[in-house]
């Protein structure tokens, strides 16, 4: 798999192309990378929504300012 990807990248870099073709490939690659990042963030966000609050938030005790119970730890 890794060798196949390297071969495909080498083939793409060896391909003669004009500026218009280069910009098309670059734009398509950039859009795919951005779309993949957005997709991963949305999946992570949905997992957090569906999973409910973390145990620290649910119990009122956590690591941040104001997250511990008044008067000390539980």
PDB file of N, CA and C in Angstrom:
ATOM      1  N   UNK A   1       0.833  -1.192   0.000  1.00  0.00           N
ATOM      2  CA  UNK A   1       0.000   0.000   0.000  1.00  0.00           C
ATOM      3  C   UNK A   1       0.874   1.252   0.000  1.00  0.00           C
ATOM      4  N   UNK A   2       1.848   1.286   0.909  1.00  0.00           N
ATOM      5  CA  UNK A   2       2.710   2.458   1.009  1.00  0.00           C
ATOM      6  C   UNK A   2       3.554   2.613  -0.257  1.00  0.00           C
ATOM      7  N   UNK A   3       4.048   1.486  -0.785  1.00  0.00           N
ATOM      8  CA  UNK A   3       4.842   1.538  -2.018  1.00  0.00           C
ATOM      9  C   UNK A   3       3.979   1.972  -3.199  1.00  0.00           C
ATOM     10  N   UNK A   4       2.732   1.515  -3.216  1.00  0.00           N
ATOM     11  CA  UNK A   4       1.809   1.885  -4.286  1.00  0.00           C
ATOM     12  C   UNK A   4       1.553   3.385  -4.263  1.00  0.00           C
ATOM     13  N   UNK A   5       1.382   3.949  -3.069  1.00  0.00           N
ATOM     14  CA  UNK A   5       1.153   5.381  -2.943  1.00  0.00           C
ATOM     15  C   UNK A   5       2.379   6.160  -3.396  1.00  0.00           C
ATOM     16  N   UNK A   6       3.572   5.688  -3.006  1.00  0.00           N
ATOM     17  CA  UNK A   6       4.806   6.352  -3.435  1.00  0.00           C
ATOM     18  C   UNK A   6       4.946   6.316  -4.954  1.00  0.00           C
ATOM     19  N   UNK A   7       4.585   5.178  -5.558  1.00  0.00           N
ATOM     20  CA  UNK A   7       4.674   5.054  -7.007  1.00  0.00           C
ATOM     21  C   UNK A   7       3.702   6.010  -7.704  1.00  0.00           C
ATOM     22  N   UNK A   8       2.496   6.138  -7.141  1.00  0.00           N
ATOM     23  CA  UNK A   8       1.511   7.035  -7.742  1.00  0.00           C
ATOM     24  C   UNK A   8       1.950   8.493  -7.617  1.00  0.00           C
ATOM     25  N   UNK A   9       2.531   8.857  -6.469  1.00  0.00           N
ATOM     26  CA  UNK A   9       3.017  10.226  -6.291  1.00  0.00           C
ATOM     27  C   UNK A   9       4.166  10.509  -7.239  1.00  0.00           C
ATOM     28  N   UNK A  10       5.077   9.547  -7.374  1.00  0.00           N
ATOM     29  CA  UNK A  10       6.202   9.721  -8.297  1.00  0.00           C
ATOM     30  C   UNK A  10       5.703   9.867  -9.733  1.00  0.00           C
ATOM     31  N   UNK A  11       4.703   9.068 -10.091  1.00  0.00           N
ATOM     32  CA  UNK A  11       4.143   9.155 -11.441  1.00  0.00           C
ATOM     33  C   UNK A  11       3.501  10.522 -11.671  1.00  0.00           C
ATOM     34  N   UNK A  12       2.787  11.027 -10.662  1.00  0.00           N
ATOM     35  CA  UNK A  12       2.153  12.333 -10.787  1.00  0.00           C
ATOM     36  C   UNK A  12       3.206  13.435 -10.921  1.00  0.00           C
ATOM     37  N   UNK A  13       4.287  13.332 -10.137  1.00  0.00           N
ATOM     38  CA  UNK A  13       5.331  14.350 -10.208  1.00  0.00           C
ATOM     39  C   UNK A  13       6.095  14.303 -11.528  1.00  0.00           C
ATOM     40  N   UNK A  14       6.178  13.131 -12.140  1.00  0.00           N
ATOM     41  CA  UNK A  14       6.872  12.998 -13.419  1.00  0.00           C
ATOM     42  C   UNK A  14       6.010  13.396 -14.606  1.00  0.00           C
ATOM     43  N   UNK A  15       4.711  13.572 -14.391  1.00  0.00           N
ATOM     44  CA  UNK A  15       3.804  13.929 -15.476  1.00  0.00           C
ATOM     45  C   UNK A  15       4.042  15.376 -15.900  1.00  0.00           C
ATOM     46  N   UNK A  16       4.157  15.564 -17.205  1.00  0.00           N
ATOM     47  CA  UNK A  16       4.301  16.924 -17.723  1.00  0.00           C
ATOM     48  C   UNK A  16       2.925  17.570 -17.742  1.00  0.00           C
ATOM     49  N   UNK A  17       2.855  18.766 -17.187  1.00  0.00           N
ATOM     50  CA  UNK A  17       1.574  19.476 -17.158  1.00  0.00           C
ATOM     51  C   UNK A  17       1.813  20.970 -17.215  1.00  0.00           C
ATOM     52  N   UNK A  18       0.795  21.661 -17.679  1.00  0.00           N
ATOM     53  CA  UNK A  18       0.887  23.117 -17.722  1.00  0.00           C
ATOM     54  C   UNK A  18       0.376  23.698 -16.397  1.00  0.00           C
ATOM     55  N   UNK A  19       0.397  24.991 -16.305  1.00  0.00           N
ATOM     56  CA  UNK A  19       0.004  25.659 -15.058  1.00  0.00           C
ATOM     57  C   UNK A  19      -1.445  25.367 -14.694  1.00  0.00           C
ATOM     58  N   UNK A  20      -2.328  25.346 -15.695  1.00  0.00           N
ATOM     59  CA  UNK A  20      -3.746  25.101 -15.438  1.00  0.00           C
ATOM     60  C   UNK A  20      -3.968  23.710 -14.843  1.00  0.00           C
ATOM     61  N   UNK A  21      -3.318  22.707 -15.381  1.00  0.00           N
ATOM     62  CA  UNK A  21      -3.450  21.347 -14.855  1.00  0.00           C
ATOM     63  C   UNK A  21      -2.879  21.250 -13.442  1.00  0.00           C
ATOM     64  N   UNK A  22      -1.732  21.889 -13.222  1.00  0.00           N
ATOM     65  CA  UNK A  22      -1.122  21.873 -11.905  1.00  0.00           C
ATOM     66  C   UNK A  22      -2.048  22.499 -10.858  1.00  0.00           C
ATOM     67  N   UNK A  23      -2.648  23.623 -11.206  1.00  0.00           N
ATOM     68  CA  UNK A  23      -3.554  24.279 -10.270  1.00  0.00           C
ATOM     69  C   UNK A  23      -4.796  23.441  -9.999  1.00  0.00           C
ATOM     70  N   UNK A  24      -5.287  22.724 -11.022  1.00  0.00           N
ATOM     71  CA  UNK A  24      -6.434  21.843 -10.813  1.00  0.00           C
ATOM     72  C   UNK A  24      -6.093  20.730  -9.829  1.00  0.00           C
ATOM     73  N   UNK A  25      -4.930  20.093 -10.009  1.00  0.00           N
ATOM     74  CA  UNK A  25      -4.511  19.024  -9.095  1.00  0.00           C
ATOM     75  C   UNK A  25      -4.294  19.567  -7.685  1.00  0.00           C
ATOM     76  N   UNK A  26      -3.676  20.728  -7.582  1.00  0.00           N
ATOM     77  CA  UNK A  26      -3.405  21.316  -6.274  1.00  0.00           C
ATOM     78  C   UNK A  26      -4.702  21.694  -5.577  1.00  0.00           C
ATOM     79  N   UNK A  27      -5.632  22.294  -6.300  1.00  0.00           N
ATOM     80  CA  UNK A  27      -6.911  22.681  -5.703  1.00  0.00           C
ATOM     81  C   UNK A  27      -7.712  21.456  -5.272  1.00  0.00           C
ATOM     82  N   UNK A  28      -7.722  20.418  -6.096  1.00  0.00           N
ATOM     83  CA  UNK A  28      -8.458  19.200  -5.748  1.00  0.00           C
ATOM     84  C   UNK A  28      -7.865  18.546  -4.506  1.00  0.00           C
ATOM     85  N   UNK A  29      -6.539  18.512  -4.420  1.00  0.00           N
ATOM     86  CA  UNK A  29      -5.884  17.928  -3.249  1.00  0.00           C
ATOM     87  C   UNK A  29      -6.186  18.738  -2.000  1.00  0.00           C
ATOM     88  N   UNK A  30      -6.140  20.049  -2.106  1.00  0.00           N
ATOM     89  CA  UNK A  30      -6.443  20.906  -0.963  1.00  0.00           C
ATOM     90  C   UNK A  30      -7.877  20.754  -0.490  1.00  0.00           C
ATOM     91  N   UNK A  31      -8.805  20.692  -1.426  1.00  0.00           N
ATOM     92  CA  UNK A  31     -10.208  20.529  -1.052  1.00  0.00           C
ATOM     93  C   UNK A  31     -10.458  19.176  -0.402  1.00  0.00           C
ATOM     94  N   UNK A  32      -9.801  18.134  -0.910  1.00  0.00           N
ATOM     95  CA  UNK A  32      -9.963  16.819  -0.292  1.00  0.00           C
ATOM     96  C   UNK A  32      -9.396  16.809   1.119  1.00  0.00           C
ATOM     97  N   UNK A  33      -8.263  17.453   1.328  1.00  0.00           N
ATOM     98  CA  UNK A  33      -7.655  17.503   2.663  1.00  0.00           C
ATOM     99  C   UNK A  33      -8.543  18.293   3.631  1.00  0.00           C
ATOM    100  N   UNK A  34      -9.076  19.413   3.176  1.00  0.00           N
ATOM    101  CA  UNK A  34      -9.961  20.212   4.034  1.00  0.00           C
ATOM    102  C   UNK A  34     -11.249  19.465   4.333  1.00  0.00           C
ATOM    103  N   UNK A  35     -11.802  18.817   3.329  1.00  0.00           N
ATOM    104  CA  UNK A  35     -13.036  18.048   3.526  1.00  0.00           C
ATOM    105  C   UNK A  35     -12.837  16.904   4.494  1.00  0.00           C
ATOM    106  N   UNK A  36     -11.687  16.245   4.409  1.00  0.00           N
ATOM    107  CA  UNK A  36     -11.392  15.158   5.339  1.00  0.00           C
ATOM    108  C   UNK A  36     -11.269  15.666   6.760  1.00  0.00           C
ATOM    109  N   UNK A  37     -10.655  16.824   6.937  1.00  0.00           N
ATOM    110  CA  UNK A  37     -10.532  17.411   8.267  1.00  0.00           C
ATOM    111  C   UNK A  37     -11.881  17.796   8.848  1.00  0.00           C
ATOM    112  N   UNK A  38     -12.721  18.380   8.021  1.00  0.00           N
ATOM    113  CA  UNK A  38     -14.061  18.761   8.474  1.00  0.00           C
ATOM    114  C   UNK A  38     -14.861  17.518   8.829  1.00  0.00           C
ATOM    115  N   UNK A  39     -14.735  16.474   8.028  1.00  0.00           N
ATOM    116  CA  UNK A  39     -15.458  15.233   8.295  1.00  0.00           C
ATOM    117  C   UNK A  39     -15.007  14.620   9.616  1.00  0.00           C
ATOM    118  N   UNK A  40     -13.706  14.584   9.868  1.00  0.00           N
ATOM    119  CA  UNK A  40     -13.208  14.024  11.121  1.00  0.00           C
ATOM    120  C   UNK A  40     -13.657  14.845  12.324  1.00  0.00           C
ATOM    121  N   UNK A  41     -13.647  16.163  12.193  1.00  0.00           N
ATOM    122  CA  UNK A  41     -14.102  17.008  13.299  1.00  0.00           C
ATOM    123  C   UNK A  41     -15.587  16.801  13.570  1.00  0.00           C
ATOM    124  N   UNK A  42     -16.392  16.659  12.518  1.00  0.00           N
ATOM    125  CA  UNK A  42     -17.826  16.481  12.731  1.00  0.00           C
ATOM    126  C   UNK A  42     -18.120  15.127  13.361  1.00  0.00           C
ATOM    127  N   UNK A  43     -17.385  14.096  12.975  1.00  0.00           N
ATOM    128  CA  UNK A  43     -17.582  12.786  13.589  1.00  0.00           C
ATOM    129  C   UNK A  43     -17.196  12.840  15.063  1.00  0.00           C
ATOM    130  N   UNK A  44     -16.104  13.514  15.386  1.00  0.00           N
ATOM    131  CA  UNK A  44     -15.685  13.654  16.780  1.00  0.00           C
ATOM    132  C   UNK A  44     -16.718  14.447  17.568  1.00  0.00           C
ATOM    133  N   UNK A  45     -17.270  15.484  16.961  1.00  0.00           N
ATOM    134  CA  UNK A  45     -18.278  16.308  17.637  1.00  0.00           C
ATOM    135  C   UNK A  45     -19.548  15.496  17.887  1.00  0.00           C
ATOM    136  N   UNK A  46     -19.977  14.698  16.914  1.00  0.00           N
ATOM    137  CA  UNK A  46     -21.169  13.871  17.095  1.00  0.00           C
ATOM    138  C   UNK A  46     -20.947  12.840  18.191  1.00  0.00           C
ATOM    139  N   UNK A  47     -19.738  12.305  18.284  1.00  0.00           N
ATOM    140  CA  UNK A  47     -19.430  11.331  19.325  1.00  0.00           C
ATOM    141  C   UNK A  47     -19.534  11.975  20.700  1.00  0.00           C
ATOM    142  N   UNK A  48     -19.073  13.212  20.825  1.00  0.00           N
ATOM    143  CA  UNK A  48     -19.165  13.910  22.108  1.00  0.00           C
ATOM    144  C   UNK A  48     -20.616  14.213  22.460  1.00  0.00           C
ATOM    145  N   UNK A  49     -21.432  14.550  21.466  1.00  0.00           N
ATOM    146  CA  UNK A  49     -22.839  14.855  21.724  1.00  0.00           C
ATOM    147  C   UNK A  49     -23.584  13.589  22.135  1.00  0.00           C
ATOM    148  N   UNK A  50     -23.371  12.505  21.417  1.00  0.00           N
ATOM    149  CA  UNK A  50     -24.087  11.268  21.681  1.00  0.00           C
ATOM    150  C   UNK A  50     -23.601  10.592  22.963  1.00  0.00           C
ATOM    151  N   UNK A  51     -22.348  10.817  23.340  1.00  0.00           N
ATOM    152  CA  UNK A  51     -21.799  10.166  24.516  1.00  0.00           C
ATOM    153  C   UNK A  51     -22.230  10.796  25.821  1.00  0.00           C
ATOM    154  N   UNK A  52     -22.796  11.969  25.792  1.00  0.00           N
ATOM    155  CA  UNK A  52     -23.199  12.650  27.004  1.00  0.00           C
ATOM    156  C   UNK A  52     -22.009  13.331  27.655  1.00  0.00           C
ATOM    157  N   UNK A  53     -22.227  13.940  28.802  1.00  0.00           N
ATOM    158  CA  UNK A  53     -21.129  14.643  29.456  1.00  0.00           C
ATOM    159  C   UNK A  53     -20.105  13.675  30.022  1.00  0.00           C
ATOM    160  N   UNK A  54     -18.873  14.125  30.101  1.00  0.00           N
ATOM    161  CA  UNK A  54     -17.823  13.292  30.666  1.00  0.00           C
ATOM    162  C   UNK A  54     -18.064  13.132  32.163  1.00  0.00           C
ATOM    163  N   UNK A  55     -17.485  12.124  32.812  1.00  0.00           N
ATOM    164  CA  UNK A  55     -17.702  11.914  34.242  1.00  0.00           C
ATOM    165  C   UNK A  55     -17.290  13.116  35.085  1.00  0.00           C
ATOM    166  N   UNK A  56     -16.231  13.847  34.658  1.00  0.00           N
ATOM    167  CA  UNK A  56     -15.801  15.011  35.426  1.00  0.00           C
ATOM    168  C   UNK A  56     -16.876  16.090  35.418  1.00  0.00           C
ATOM    169  N   UNK A  57     -17.497  16.306  34.270  1.00  0.00           N
ATOM    170  CA  UNK A  57     -18.522  17.337  34.159  1.00  0.00           C
ATOM    171  C   UNK A  57     -19.786  16.896  34.887  1.00  0.00           C
ATOM    172  N   UNK A  58     -20.151  15.628  34.774  1.00  0.00           N
ATOM    173  CA  UNK A  58     -21.372  15.135  35.397  1.00  0.00           C
ATOM    174  C   UNK A  58     -21.284  15.172  36.917  1.00  0.00           C
ATOM    175  N   UNK A  59     -20.102  14.920  37.470  1.00  0.00           N
ATOM    176  CA  UNK A  59     -19.974  14.893  38.927  1.00  0.00           C
ATOM    177  C   UNK A  59     -19.677  16.265  39.504  1.00  0.00           C
ATOM    178  N   UNK A  60     -19.396  17.247  38.655  1.00  0.00           N
ATOM    179  CA  UNK A  60     -19.082  18.570  39.140  1.00  0.00           C
ATOM    180  C   UNK A  60     -17.642  18.705  39.583  1.00  0.00           C
ATOM    181  N   UNK A  61     -16.816  17.762  39.243  1.00  0.00           N
ATOM    182  CA  UNK A  61     -15.407  17.817  39.636  1.00  0.00           C
ATOM    183  C   UNK A  61     -14.561  17.622  38.400  1.00  0.00           C
ATOM    184  N   UNK A  62     -13.612  18.492  38.162  1.00  0.00           N
ATOM    185  CA  UNK A  62     -12.766  18.379  36.984  1.00  0.00           C
ATOM    186  C   UNK A  62     -11.445  19.066  37.213  1.00  0.00           C
ATOM    187  N   UNK A  63     -10.787  19.467  36.146  1.00  0.00           N
ATOM    188  CA  UNK A  63      -9.463  20.055  36.237  1.00  0.00           C
ATOM    189  C   UNK A  63      -9.448  21.567  36.118  1.00  0.00           C
ATOM    190  N   UNK A  64     -10.521  22.183  35.675  1.00  0.00           N
ATOM    191  CA  UNK A  64     -10.508  23.610  35.395  1.00  0.00           C
ATOM    192  C   UNK A  64     -10.958  24.457  36.563  1.00  0.00           C
ATOM    193  N   UNK A  65     -10.843  25.772  36.391  1.00  0.00           N
ATOM    194  CA  UNK A  65     -11.264  26.726  37.411  1.00  0.00           C
ATOM    195  C   UNK A  65     -12.769  26.640  37.606  1.00  0.00           C
ATOM    196  N   UNK A  66     -13.202  26.504  38.848  1.00  0.00           N
ATOM    197  CA  UNK A  66     -14.622  26.482  39.151  1.00  0.00           C
ATOM    198  C   UNK A  66     -15.297  25.152  38.941  1.00  0.00           C
ATOM    199  N   UNK A  67     -14.548  24.093  38.694  1.00  0.00           N
ATOM    200  CA  UNK A  67     -15.184  22.807  38.455  1.00  0.00           C
ATOM    201  C   UNK A  67     -15.319  21.953  39.697  1.00  0.00           C
ATOM    202  N   UNK A  68     -14.576  22.273  40.758  1.00  0.00           N
ATOM    203  CA  UNK A  68     -14.676  21.464  41.972  1.00  0.00           C
ATOM    204  C   UNK A  68     -15.860  21.934  42.812  1.00  0.00           C
ATOM    205  N   UNK A  69     -16.329  21.064  43.693  1.00  0.00           N
ATOM    206  CA  UNK A  69     -17.469  21.377  44.554  1.00  0.00           C
ATOM    207  C   UNK A  69     -17.050  22.426  45.572  1.00  0.00           C
ATOM    208  N   UNK A  70     -17.986  23.266  45.982  1.00  0.00           N
ATOM    209  CA  UNK A  70     -17.698  24.304  46.961  1.00  0.00           C
ATOM    210  C   UNK A  70     -17.335  23.638  48.294  1.00  0.00           C
ATOM    211  N   UNK A  71     -16.235  24.082  48.884  1.00  0.00           N
ATOM    212  CA  UNK A  71     -15.830  23.520  50.163  1.00  0.00           C
ATOM    213  C   UNK A  71     -14.898  22.338  50.055  1.00  0.00           C
ATOM    214  N   UNK A  72     -14.436  21.981  48.876  1.00  0.00           N
ATOM    215  CA  UNK A  72     -13.457  20.903  48.754  1.00  0.00           C
ATOM    216  C   UNK A  72     -13.888  19.813  47.813  1.00  0.00           C
ATOM    217  N   UNK A  73     -13.116  18.749  47.819  1.00  0.00           N
ATOM    218  CA  UNK A  73     -13.385  17.632  46.905  1.00  0.00           C
ATOM    219  C   UNK A  73     -14.476  16.736  47.447  1.00  0.00           C
ATOM    220  N   UNK A  74     -15.119  16.051  46.517  1.00  0.00           N
ATOM    221  CA  UNK A  74     -16.163  15.095  46.899  1.00  0.00           C
ATOM    222  C   UNK A  74     -15.555  13.743  47.170  1.00  0.00           C
TER     223      UNK A  74
END
